[in-house]
Amino acid sequence: MKRNRFKRNMLIAFMAAAIMVVQPFFAQNAKAMENTYYDSVYYNTGILTEEEWEALEGLPVGTVIIMSKTDNEFYYGKEAEEYVSAGLVEVISMAGVGSSSIGTAAFAKHIATARKDYVAGIVTGLGAKDVGDKGIEGYFIGRPSNVLGVSYTNTASEKLAELYKEGARPRLLIGHSKGNMDIANALYMLREQGKESQFAGVNVITFGCGVYVPSGVGSIKQYLGNLDSLGMMNTVSYYHLTWVYGAYHTTNPAYTLTYMPIQYYVVD
């Protein structure tokens, strides 16, 4: 009996972890073998030009990308980091599970177009190839760590914390799904290192997953679709959360009637 109960509990735990990643399999015309498939499910990849796509595909986790509303004006790698650290870019974004550098670029450009400003993105994953690992990390490490207000090892979070240490002082941090956890994680890292003054007053906007952030931020605004079952299952904080009726987890306008219209919520 105990062995059967253990197996059942392990199965339940595994299914819970899988919640962060299974929803895309229900999308129409799925092409699960393509590494950028989830990018297009969740982000506005149609906004990218062919030149942007070719230059930015396949970049490693932690890479900084700067996007503009102007086609083909983009920066990545060390050059982008230097612009952010120098304070020339004041908005930083992070995408969620299943995203690669293409999703990062699409999310950042979507925001840049709405704000008519430069927006940096930090690559949080490798796309379909690491969707399982990132989903498990989000459910079993990201969620409980966020509830406890402690940090966990994460390359994208470490890059954001590093940018702060190098002088970056963004006015706004914007995340989607697990990207929200990774943003909050970077802030908790800085707090644990006694560097909370570095993020004092920064504003945070989250989509598709409500999280906690440390005290000292300027404000936090969280948006969750009332049809977003994936986001609801991974939300740990409903603090300052606004329900967006009719919205699912995706931010891609290609899903015309049910996407999260982030362009309305990221402007000042």
C-alpha atoms as a PDB file:
ATOM      1  CA  MET A   1       0.000   0.000   0.000  1.00  0.00           C
ATOM      2  CA  LYS A   2       2.779   2.459   0.907  1.00  0.00           C
ATOM      3  CA  ARG A   3       4.609   1.692  -2.347  1.00  0.00           C
ATOM      4  CA  ASN A   4       1.454   2.302  -4.383  1.00  0.00           C
ATOM      5  CA  ARG A   5       0.808   5.557  -2.520  1.00  0.00           C
ATOM      6  CA  PHE A   6       4.402   6.677  -3.205  1.00  0.00           C
ATOM      7  CA  LYS A   7       4.067   5.911  -6.916  1.00  0.00           C
ATOM      8  CA  ARG A   8       0.774   7.782  -7.056  1.00  0.00           C
ATOM      9  CA  ASN A   9       2.256  10.835  -5.308  1.00  0.00           C
ATOM     10  CA  MET A  10       5.236  10.850  -7.651  1.00  0.00           C
ATOM     11  CA  LEU A  11       2.898  10.680 -10.640  1.00  0.00           C
ATOM     12  CA  ILE A  12       0.868  13.616  -9.327  1.00  0.00           C
ATOM     13  CA  ALA A  13       4.057  15.617  -8.780  1.00  0.00           C
ATOM     14  CA  PHE A  14       5.290  14.892 -12.291  1.00  0.00           C
ATOM     15  CA  MET A  15       1.961  15.904 -13.797  1.00  0.00           C
ATOM     16  CA  ALA A  16       2.029  19.131 -11.809  1.00  0.00           C
ATOM     17  CA  ALA A  17       5.486  19.977 -13.159  1.00  0.00           C
ATOM     18  CA  ALA A  18       4.330  19.230 -16.690  1.00  0.00           C
ATOM     19  CA  ILE A  19       1.553  21.814 -16.415  1.00  0.00           C
ATOM     20  CA  MET A  20       4.014  24.574 -17.278  1.00  0.00           C
ATOM     21  CA  VAL A  21       4.747  23.001 -20.652  1.00  0.00           C
ATOM     22  CA  VAL A  22       1.826  20.895 -21.886  1.00  0.00           C
ATOM     23  CA  GLN A  23      -0.551  23.593 -23.073  1.00  0.00           C
ATOM     24  CA  PRO A  24       1.248  24.250 -26.396  1.00  0.00           C
ATOM     25  CA  PHE A  25       0.519  20.694 -27.514  1.00  0.00           C
ATOM     26  CA  PHE A  26      -3.133  21.695 -27.886  1.00  0.00           C
ATOM     27  CA  ALA A  27      -2.326  24.464 -30.365  1.00  0.00           C
ATOM     28  CA  GLN A  28      -3.416  24.003 -33.939  1.00  0.00           C
ATOM     29  CA  ASN A  29      -0.879  22.925 -36.569  1.00  0.00           C
ATOM     30  CA  ALA A  30       1.725  22.010 -33.966  1.00  0.00           C
ATOM     31  CA  LYS A  31       5.254  21.467 -35.228  1.00  0.00           C
ATOM     32  CA  ALA A  32       6.816  20.194 -32.027  1.00  0.00           C
ATOM     33  CA  MET A  33      10.077  19.199 -33.694  1.00  0.00           C
ATOM     34  CA  GLU A  34      10.909  22.806 -34.553  1.00  0.00           C
ATOM     35  CA  ASN A  35      12.950  24.432 -31.815  1.00  0.00           C
ATOM     36  CA  THR A  36      11.218  27.794 -32.211  1.00  0.00           C
ATOM     37  CA  TYR A  37       7.706  26.346 -32.177  1.00  0.00           C
ATOM     38  CA  TYR A  38       6.885  27.571 -28.659  1.00  0.00           C
ATOM     39  CA  ASP A  39       8.245  31.020 -29.475  1.00  0.00           C
ATOM     40  CA  SER A  40       5.505  31.430 -32.070  1.00  0.00           C
ATOM     41  CA  VAL A  41       2.841  29.941 -29.800  1.00  0.00           C
ATOM     42  CA  TYR A  42       3.502  32.477 -27.056  1.00  0.00           C
ATOM     43  CA  TYR A  43       5.186  35.484 -28.688  1.00  0.00           C
ATOM     44  CA  ASN A  44       4.700  37.805 -31.636  1.00  0.00           C
ATOM     45  CA  THR A  45       7.365  36.254 -33.853  1.00  0.00           C
ATOM     46  CA  GLY A  46       5.619  37.660 -36.927  1.00  0.00           C
ATOM     47  CA  ILE A  47       6.933  41.083 -35.908  1.00  0.00           C
ATOM     48  CA  LEU A  48      10.520  40.020 -36.630  1.00  0.00           C
ATOM     49  CA  THR A  49      12.099  40.670 -40.016  1.00  0.00           C
ATOM     50  CA  GLU A  50      13.990  37.950 -41.845  1.00  0.00           C
ATOM     51  CA  GLU A  51      17.268  39.700 -41.026  1.00  0.00           C
ATOM     52  CA  GLU A  52      16.413  39.876 -37.314  1.00  0.00           C
ATOM     53  CA  TRP A  53      15.396  36.209 -37.246  1.00  0.00           C
ATOM     54  CA  GLU A  54      18.571  35.017 -38.982  1.00  0.00           C
ATOM     55  CA  ALA A  55      20.891  37.099 -36.786  1.00  0.00           C
ATOM     56  CA  LEU A  56      19.221  36.324 -33.446  1.00  0.00           C
ATOM     57  CA  GLU A  57      18.274  32.644 -33.699  1.00  0.00           C
ATOM     58  CA  GLY A  58      20.129  30.163 -31.513  1.00  0.00           C
ATOM     59  CA  LEU A  59      21.752  32.579 -29.055  1.00  0.00           C
ATOM     60  CA  PRO A  60      22.688  31.126 -25.645  1.00  0.00           C
ATOM     61  CA  VAL A  61      20.832  31.653 -22.378  1.00  0.00           C
ATOM     62  CA  GLY A  62      21.857  34.901 -20.723  1.00  0.00           C
ATOM     63  CA  THR A  63      22.466  36.738 -23.988  1.00  0.00           C
ATOM     64  CA  VAL A  64      21.232  40.333 -23.951  1.00  0.00           C
ATOM     65  CA  ILE A  65      19.280  41.503 -27.027  1.00  0.00           C
ATOM     66  CA  ILE A  66      18.126  45.071 -27.666  1.00  0.00           C
ATOM     67  CA  MET A  67      15.184  45.563 -29.997  1.00  0.00           C
ATOM     68  CA  SER A  68      13.719  48.704 -31.540  1.00  0.00           C
ATOM     69  CA  LYS A  69      10.394  49.455 -33.175  1.00  0.00           C
ATOM     70  CA  THR A  70      12.483  50.182 -36.273  1.00  0.00           C
ATOM     71  CA  ASP A  71      13.010  47.121 -38.459  1.00  0.00           C
ATOM     72  CA  ASN A  72      16.552  45.785 -38.512  1.00  0.00           C
ATOM     73  CA  GLU A  73      17.820  48.053 -35.724  1.00  0.00           C
ATOM     74  CA  PHE A  74      18.925  45.622 -33.067  1.00  0.00           C
ATOM     75  CA  TYR A  75      21.952  44.783 -30.937  1.00  0.00           C
ATOM     76  CA  TYR A  76      23.001  41.688 -29.051  1.00  0.00           C
ATOM     77  CA  GLY A  77      25.799  40.252 -26.963  1.00  0.00           C
ATOM     78  CA  LYS A  78      28.463  42.429 -25.384  1.00  0.00           C
ATOM     79  CA  GLU A  79      27.445  45.539 -27.326  1.00  0.00           C
ATOM     80  CA  ALA A  80      23.886  45.255 -26.026  1.00  0.00           C
ATOM     81  CA  GLU A  81      25.115  44.699 -22.455  1.00  0.00           C
ATOM     82  CA  GLU A  82      27.216  47.852 -22.624  1.00  0.00           C
ATOM     83  CA  TYR A  83      24.234  49.930 -23.769  1.00  0.00           C
ATOM     84  CA  VAL A  84      22.100  48.594 -20.913  1.00  0.00           C
ATOM     85  CA  SER A  85      24.837  49.025 -18.295  1.00  0.00           C
ATOM     86  CA  ALA A  86      25.395  52.612 -19.463  1.00  0.00           C
ATOM     87  CA  GLY A  87      21.729  53.386 -18.851  1.00  0.00           C
ATOM     88  CA  LEU A  88      20.884  53.900 -22.531  1.00  0.00           C
ATOM     89  CA  VAL A  89      18.139  51.258 -22.365  1.00  0.00           C
ATOM     90  CA  GLU A  90      15.769  51.443 -19.411  1.00  0.00           C
ATOM     91  CA  VAL A  91      13.328  48.601 -20.097  1.00  0.00           C
ATOM     92  CA  ILE A  92      14.327  44.941 -19.716  1.00  0.00           C
ATOM     93  CA  SER A  93      12.128  41.946 -20.522  1.00  0.00           C
ATOM     94  CA  MET A  94      12.237  38.188 -19.967  1.00  0.00           C
ATOM     95  CA  ALA A  95      10.173  35.537 -21.736  1.00  0.00           C
ATOM     96  CA  GLY A  96       9.035  32.206 -20.305  1.00  0.00           C
ATOM     97  CA  VAL A  97       9.313  28.443 -20.679  1.00  0.00           C
ATOM     98  CA  GLY A  98       9.711  27.203 -24.253  1.00  0.00           C
ATOM     99  CA  SER A  99      11.163  30.445 -25.509  1.00  0.00           C
ATOM    100  CA  SER A 100      14.497  30.740 -27.256  1.00  0.00           C
ATOM    101  CA  SER A 101      16.355  33.876 -28.321  1.00  0.00           C
ATOM    102  CA  ILE A 102      13.673  34.283 -31.008  1.00  0.00           C
ATOM    103  CA  GLY A 103      10.927  34.500 -28.388  1.00  0.00           C
ATOM    104  CA  THR A 104      13.096  36.913 -26.410  1.00  0.00           C
ATOM    105  CA  ALA A 105      13.521  39.154 -29.448  1.00  0.00           C
ATOM    106  CA  ALA A 106       9.832  38.979 -30.398  1.00  0.00           C
ATOM    107  CA  PHE A 107       8.652  39.793 -26.861  1.00  0.00           C
ATOM    108  CA  ALA A 108      11.100  42.702 -26.603  1.00  0.00           C
ATOM    109  CA  LYS A 109      10.173  44.102 -30.035  1.00  0.00           C
ATOM    110  CA  HIS A 110       6.456  43.817 -29.262  1.00  0.00           C
ATOM    111  CA  ILE A 111       7.069  45.979 -26.184  1.00  0.00           C
ATOM    112  CA  ALA A 112       9.444  48.320 -28.036  1.00  0.00           C
ATOM    113  CA  THR A 113       6.845  48.948 -30.733  1.00  0.00           C
ATOM    114  CA  ALA A 114       4.148  49.729 -28.170  1.00  0.00           C
ATOM    115  CA  ARG A 115       6.399  52.031 -26.143  1.00  0.00           C
ATOM    116  CA  LYS A 116       8.207  53.525 -29.162  1.00  0.00           C
ATOM    117  CA  ASP A 117      11.446  52.915 -27.304  1.00  0.00           C
ATOM    118  CA  TYR A 118      14.404  50.556 -27.136  1.00  0.00           C
ATOM    119  CA  VAL A 119      13.782  47.424 -25.063  1.00  0.00           C
ATOM    120  CA  ALA A 120      16.314  44.848 -23.913  1.00  0.00           C
ATOM    121  CA  GLY A 121      15.531  41.177 -23.540  1.00  0.00           C
ATOM    122  CA  ILE A 122      17.545  38.519 -21.705  1.00  0.00           C
ATOM    123  CA  VAL A 123      17.416  35.035 -23.251  1.00  0.00           C
ATOM    124  CA  THR A 124      15.902  32.646 -20.707  1.00  0.00           C
ATOM    125  CA  GLY A 125      15.915  29.350 -22.607  1.00  0.00           C
ATOM    126  CA  LEU A 126      16.888  27.368 -25.692  1.00  0.00           C
ATOM    127  CA  GLY A 127      13.406  26.734 -27.048  1.00  0.00           C
ATOM    128  CA  ALA A 128      11.798  23.326 -27.470  1.00  0.00           C
ATOM    129  CA  LYS A 129      15.069  21.545 -26.690  1.00  0.00           C
ATOM    130  CA  ASP A 130      14.987  22.527 -22.995  1.00  0.00           C
ATOM    131  CA  VAL A 131      11.271  23.080 -22.437  1.00  0.00           C
ATOM    132  CA  GLY A 132      11.031  20.082 -20.107  1.00  0.00           C
ATOM    133  CA  ASP A 133      13.946  21.125 -17.910  1.00  0.00           C
ATOM    134  CA  LYS A 134      12.755  24.735 -17.695  1.00  0.00           C
ATOM    135  CA  GLY A 135       9.210  23.655 -16.881  1.00  0.00           C
ATOM    136  CA  ILE A 136      10.391  21.434 -14.051  1.00  0.00           C
ATOM    137  CA  GLU A 137      12.690  24.192 -12.766  1.00  0.00           C
ATOM    138  CA  GLY A 138       9.810  26.658 -12.795  1.00  0.00           C
ATOM    139  CA  TYR A 139       7.388  24.419 -10.934  1.00  0.00           C
ATOM    140  CA  PHE A 140       9.661  22.754  -8.387  1.00  0.00           C
ATOM    141  CA  ILE A 141      12.307  25.460  -7.860  1.00  0.00           C
ATOM    142  CA  GLY A 142      10.992  28.788  -9.126  1.00  0.00           C
ATOM    143  CA  ARG A 143       7.572  28.686  -7.461  1.00  0.00           C
ATOM    144  CA  PRO A 144       8.613  27.607  -3.943  1.00  0.00           C
ATOM    145  CA  SER A 145      11.659  29.895  -4.008  1.00  0.00           C
ATOM    146  CA  ASN A 146       9.479  32.822  -4.996  1.00  0.00           C
ATOM    147  CA  VAL A 147       7.038  32.108  -2.173  1.00  0.00           C
ATOM    148  CA  LEU A 148       9.917  31.952   0.316  1.00  0.00           C
ATOM    149  CA  GLY A 149      11.562  35.061  -1.117  1.00  0.00           C
ATOM    150  CA  VAL A 150      14.892  33.358  -1.767  1.00  0.00           C
ATOM    151  CA  SER A 151      16.973  33.056  -4.921  1.00  0.00           C
ATOM    152  CA  TYR A 152      17.870  30.008  -7.004  1.00  0.00           C
ATOM    153  CA  THR A 153      20.572  29.348  -9.575  1.00  0.00           C
ATOM    154  CA  ASN A 154      19.488  30.660 -12.974  1.00  0.00           C
ATOM    155  CA  THR A 155      21.651  32.024 -15.779  1.00  0.00           C
ATOM    156  CA  ALA A 156      19.189  34.666 -17.017  1.00  0.00           C
ATOM    157  CA  SER A 157      18.589  35.957 -13.482  1.00  0.00           C
ATOM    158  CA  GLU A 158      22.326  36.106 -12.884  1.00  0.00           C
ATOM    159  CA  LYS A 159      22.746  38.172 -16.052  1.00  0.00           C
ATOM    160  CA  LEU A 160      20.147  40.696 -14.895  1.00  0.00           C
ATOM    161  CA  ALA A 161      21.838  40.940 -11.488  1.00  0.00           C
ATOM    162  CA  GLU A 162      25.193  41.356 -13.250  1.00  0.00           C
ATOM    163  CA  LEU A 163      23.822  44.214 -15.373  1.00  0.00           C
ATOM    164  CA  TYR A 164      22.692  45.955 -12.200  1.00  0.00           C
ATOM    165  CA  LYS A 165      26.164  45.560 -10.700  1.00  0.00           C
ATOM    166  CA  GLU A 166      27.705  47.021 -13.864  1.00  0.00           C
ATOM    167  CA  GLY A 167      25.588  50.151 -13.540  1.00  0.00           C
ATOM    168  CA  ALA A 168      22.257  49.385 -15.198  1.00  0.00           C
ATOM    169  CA  ARG A 169      19.300  51.081 -13.525  1.00  0.00           C
ATOM    170  CA  PRO A 170      16.227  50.094 -15.553  1.00  0.00           C
ATOM    171  CA  ARG A 171      12.996  51.945 -14.897  1.00  0.00           C
ATOM    172  CA  LEU A 172      10.890  48.954 -15.907  1.00  0.00           C
ATOM    173  CA  LEU A 173      11.160  45.151 -15.829  1.00  0.00           C
ATOM    174  CA  ILE A 174       8.601  43.175 -17.860  1.00  0.00           C
ATOM    175  CA  GLY A 175       8.151  39.412 -17.778  1.00  0.00           C
ATOM    176  CA  HIS A 176       5.921  36.681 -19.112  1.00  0.00           C
ATOM    177  CA  SER A 177       5.239  33.326 -17.432  1.00  0.00           C
ATOM    178  CA  LYS A 178       8.416  31.885 -15.862  1.00  0.00           C
ATOM    179  CA  GLY A 179      10.227  35.029 -16.986  1.00  0.00           C
ATOM    180  CA  ASN A 180       8.407  36.737 -14.114  1.00  0.00           C
ATOM    181  CA  MET A 181       9.967  34.307 -11.659  1.00  0.00           C
ATOM    182  CA  ASP A 182      13.405  34.847 -13.161  1.00  0.00           C
ATOM    183  CA  ILE A 183      13.083  38.636 -12.881  1.00  0.00           C
ATOM    184  CA  ALA A 184      11.966  38.387  -9.265  1.00  0.00           C
ATOM    185  CA  ASN A 185      14.770  35.886  -8.673  1.00  0.00           C
ATOM    186  CA  ALA A 186      17.380  38.411  -9.826  1.00  0.00           C
ATOM    187  CA  LEU A 187      15.985  40.997  -7.416  1.00  0.00           C
ATOM    188  CA  TYR A 188      16.119  38.487  -4.552  1.00  0.00           C
ATOM    189  CA  MET A 189      19.736  37.718  -5.525  1.00  0.00           C
ATOM    190  CA  LEU A 190      20.616  41.390  -5.209  1.00  0.00           C
ATOM    191  CA  ARG A 191      18.823  41.641  -1.886  1.00  0.00           C
ATOM    192  CA  GLU A 192      20.696  38.637  -0.515  1.00  0.00           C
ATOM    193  CA  GLN A 193      23.939  40.345  -1.517  1.00  0.00           C
ATOM    194  CA  GLY A 194      22.951  43.553   0.265  1.00  0.00           C
ATOM    195  CA  LYS A 195      22.441  45.369  -3.054  1.00  0.00           C
ATOM    196  CA  GLU A 196      18.722  46.128  -2.759  1.00  0.00           C
ATOM    197  CA  SER A 197      19.426  49.845  -3.178  1.00  0.00           C
ATOM    198  CA  GLN A 198      20.328  49.094  -6.796  1.00  0.00           C
ATOM    199  CA  PHE A 199      16.767  48.126  -7.724  1.00  0.00           C
ATOM    200  CA  ALA A 200      15.036  50.673  -5.491  1.00  0.00           C
ATOM    201  CA  GLY A 201      12.073  52.217  -7.287  1.00  0.00           C
ATOM    202  CA  VAL A 202      12.090  49.942 -10.328  1.00  0.00           C
ATOM    203  CA  ASN A 203       8.626  49.166 -11.698  1.00  0.00           C
ATOM    204  CA  VAL A 204       7.662  45.572 -12.553  1.00  0.00           C
ATOM    205  CA  ILE A 205       4.985  44.319 -14.949  1.00  0.00           C
ATOM    206  CA  THR A 206       4.127  40.625 -15.197  1.00  0.00           C
ATOM    207  CA  PHE A 207       1.952  38.681 -17.633  1.00  0.00           C
ATOM    208  CA  GLY A 208       0.673  35.129 -17.348  1.00  0.00           C
ATOM    209  CA  CYS A 209       1.944  34.271 -13.854  1.00  0.00           C
ATOM    210  CA  GLY A 210       1.607  36.252 -10.629  1.00  0.00           C
ATOM    211  CA  VAL A 211       4.742  36.391  -8.460  1.00  0.00           C
ATOM    212  CA  TYR A 212       6.162  38.017  -5.360  1.00  0.00           C
ATOM    213  CA  VAL A 213       8.894  40.666  -5.584  1.00  0.00           C
ATOM    214  CA  PRO A 214      11.037  42.010  -2.752  1.00  0.00           C
ATOM    215  CA  SER A 215      10.093  45.231  -0.993  1.00  0.00           C
ATOM    216  CA  GLY A 216      11.803  48.286  -2.385  1.00  0.00           C
ATOM    217  CA  VAL A 217      10.510  48.087  -5.942  1.00  0.00           C
ATOM    218  CA  GLY A 218       8.554  51.107  -7.106  1.00  0.00           C
ATOM    219  CA  SER A 219       5.420  49.235  -8.168  1.00  0.00           C
ATOM    220  CA  ILE A 220       4.227  45.916  -9.475  1.00  0.00           C
ATOM    221  CA  LYS A 221       1.360  45.416 -11.918  1.00  0.00           C
ATOM    222  CA  GLN A 222       0.339  41.858 -12.796  1.00  0.00           C
ATOM    223  CA  TYR A 223      -1.968  40.721 -15.585  1.00  0.00           C
ATOM    224  CA  LEU A 224      -3.530  37.284 -15.966  1.00  0.00           C
ATOM    225  CA  GLY A 225      -6.076  36.084 -18.500  1.00  0.00           C
ATOM    226  CA  ASN A 226      -9.235  34.583 -17.037  1.00  0.00           C
ATOM    227  CA  LEU A 227      -8.872  31.747 -19.579  1.00  0.00           C
ATOM    228  CA  ASP A 228      -5.190  31.207 -18.827  1.00  0.00           C
ATOM    229  CA  SER A 229      -5.240  27.882 -16.973  1.00  0.00           C
ATOM    230  CA  LEU A 230      -1.475  27.508 -17.343  1.00  0.00           C
ATOM    231  CA  GLY A 231      -0.857  30.905 -15.783  1.00  0.00           C
ATOM    232  CA  MET A 232      -3.317  30.240 -12.958  1.00  0.00           C
ATOM    233  CA  MET A 233      -1.666  26.949 -12.052  1.00  0.00           C
ATOM    234  CA  ASN A 234       1.720  28.645 -11.738  1.00  0.00           C
ATOM    235  CA  THR A 235       0.628  31.869 -10.053  1.00  0.00           C
ATOM    236  CA  VAL A 236       1.819  32.175  -6.465  1.00  0.00           C
ATOM    237  CA  SER A 237       0.806  35.792  -5.784  1.00  0.00           C
ATOM    238  CA  TYR A 238      -2.335  37.682  -6.741  1.00  0.00           C
ATOM    239  CA  TYR A 239      -0.946  40.933  -5.346  1.00  0.00           C
ATOM    240  CA  HIS A 240      -1.870  43.897  -7.589  1.00  0.00           C
ATOM    241  CA  LEU A 241      -3.210  41.461 -10.179  1.00  0.00           C
ATOM    242  CA  THR A 242      -5.672  42.487 -12.877  1.00  0.00           C
ATOM    243  CA  TRP A 243      -7.776  39.886 -14.682  1.00  0.00           C
ATOM    244  CA  VAL A 244      -7.880  40.275 -18.460  1.00  0.00           C
ATOM    245  CA  TYR A 245     -11.097  38.724 -19.687  1.00  0.00           C
ATOM    246  CA  GLY A 246     -11.000  36.517 -22.746  1.00  0.00           C
ATOM    247  CA  ALA A 247      -7.204  36.119 -22.678  1.00  0.00           C
ATOM    248  CA  TYR A 248      -5.177  32.907 -22.706  1.00  0.00           C
ATOM    249  CA  HIS A 249      -1.440  32.483 -22.006  1.00  0.00           C
ATOM    250  CA  THR A 250      -0.158  33.621 -25.391  1.00  0.00           C
ATOM    251  CA  THR A 251       0.900  37.205 -26.174  1.00  0.00           C
ATOM    252  CA  ASN A 252       0.899  36.544 -29.922  1.00  0.00           C
ATOM    253  CA  PRO A 253      -1.679  38.708 -31.790  1.00  0.00           C
ATOM    254  CA  ALA A 254      -1.967  35.923 -34.376  1.00  0.00           C
ATOM    255  CA  TYR A 255      -4.394  34.394 -31.862  1.00  0.00           C
ATOM    256  CA  THR A 256      -6.615  37.391 -32.520  1.00  0.00           C
ATOM    257  CA  LEU A 257      -9.486  36.856 -30.102  1.00  0.00           C
ATOM    258  CA  THR A 258      -7.742  35.243 -27.163  1.00  0.00           C
ATOM    259  CA  TYR A 259      -4.197  36.614 -26.846  1.00  0.00           C
ATOM    260  CA  MET A 260      -2.962  38.768 -23.959  1.00  0.00           C
ATOM    261  CA  PRO A 261      -2.755  42.272 -25.529  1.00  0.00           C
ATOM    262  CA  ILE A 262       0.412  43.368 -23.766  1.00  0.00           C
ATOM    263  CA  GLN A 263       0.740  46.506 -25.904  1.00  0.00           C
ATOM    264  CA  TYR A 264      -2.064  48.119 -23.872  1.00  0.00           C
ATOM    265  CA  TYR A 265      -0.389  47.472 -20.527  1.00  0.00           C
ATOM    266  CA  VAL A 266       3.295  48.240 -21.124  1.00  0.00           C
ATOM    267  CA  VAL A 267       2.935  51.928 -21.977  1.00  0.00           C
ATOM    268  CA  ASP A 268       3.331  54.649 -19.374  1.00  0.00           C
END
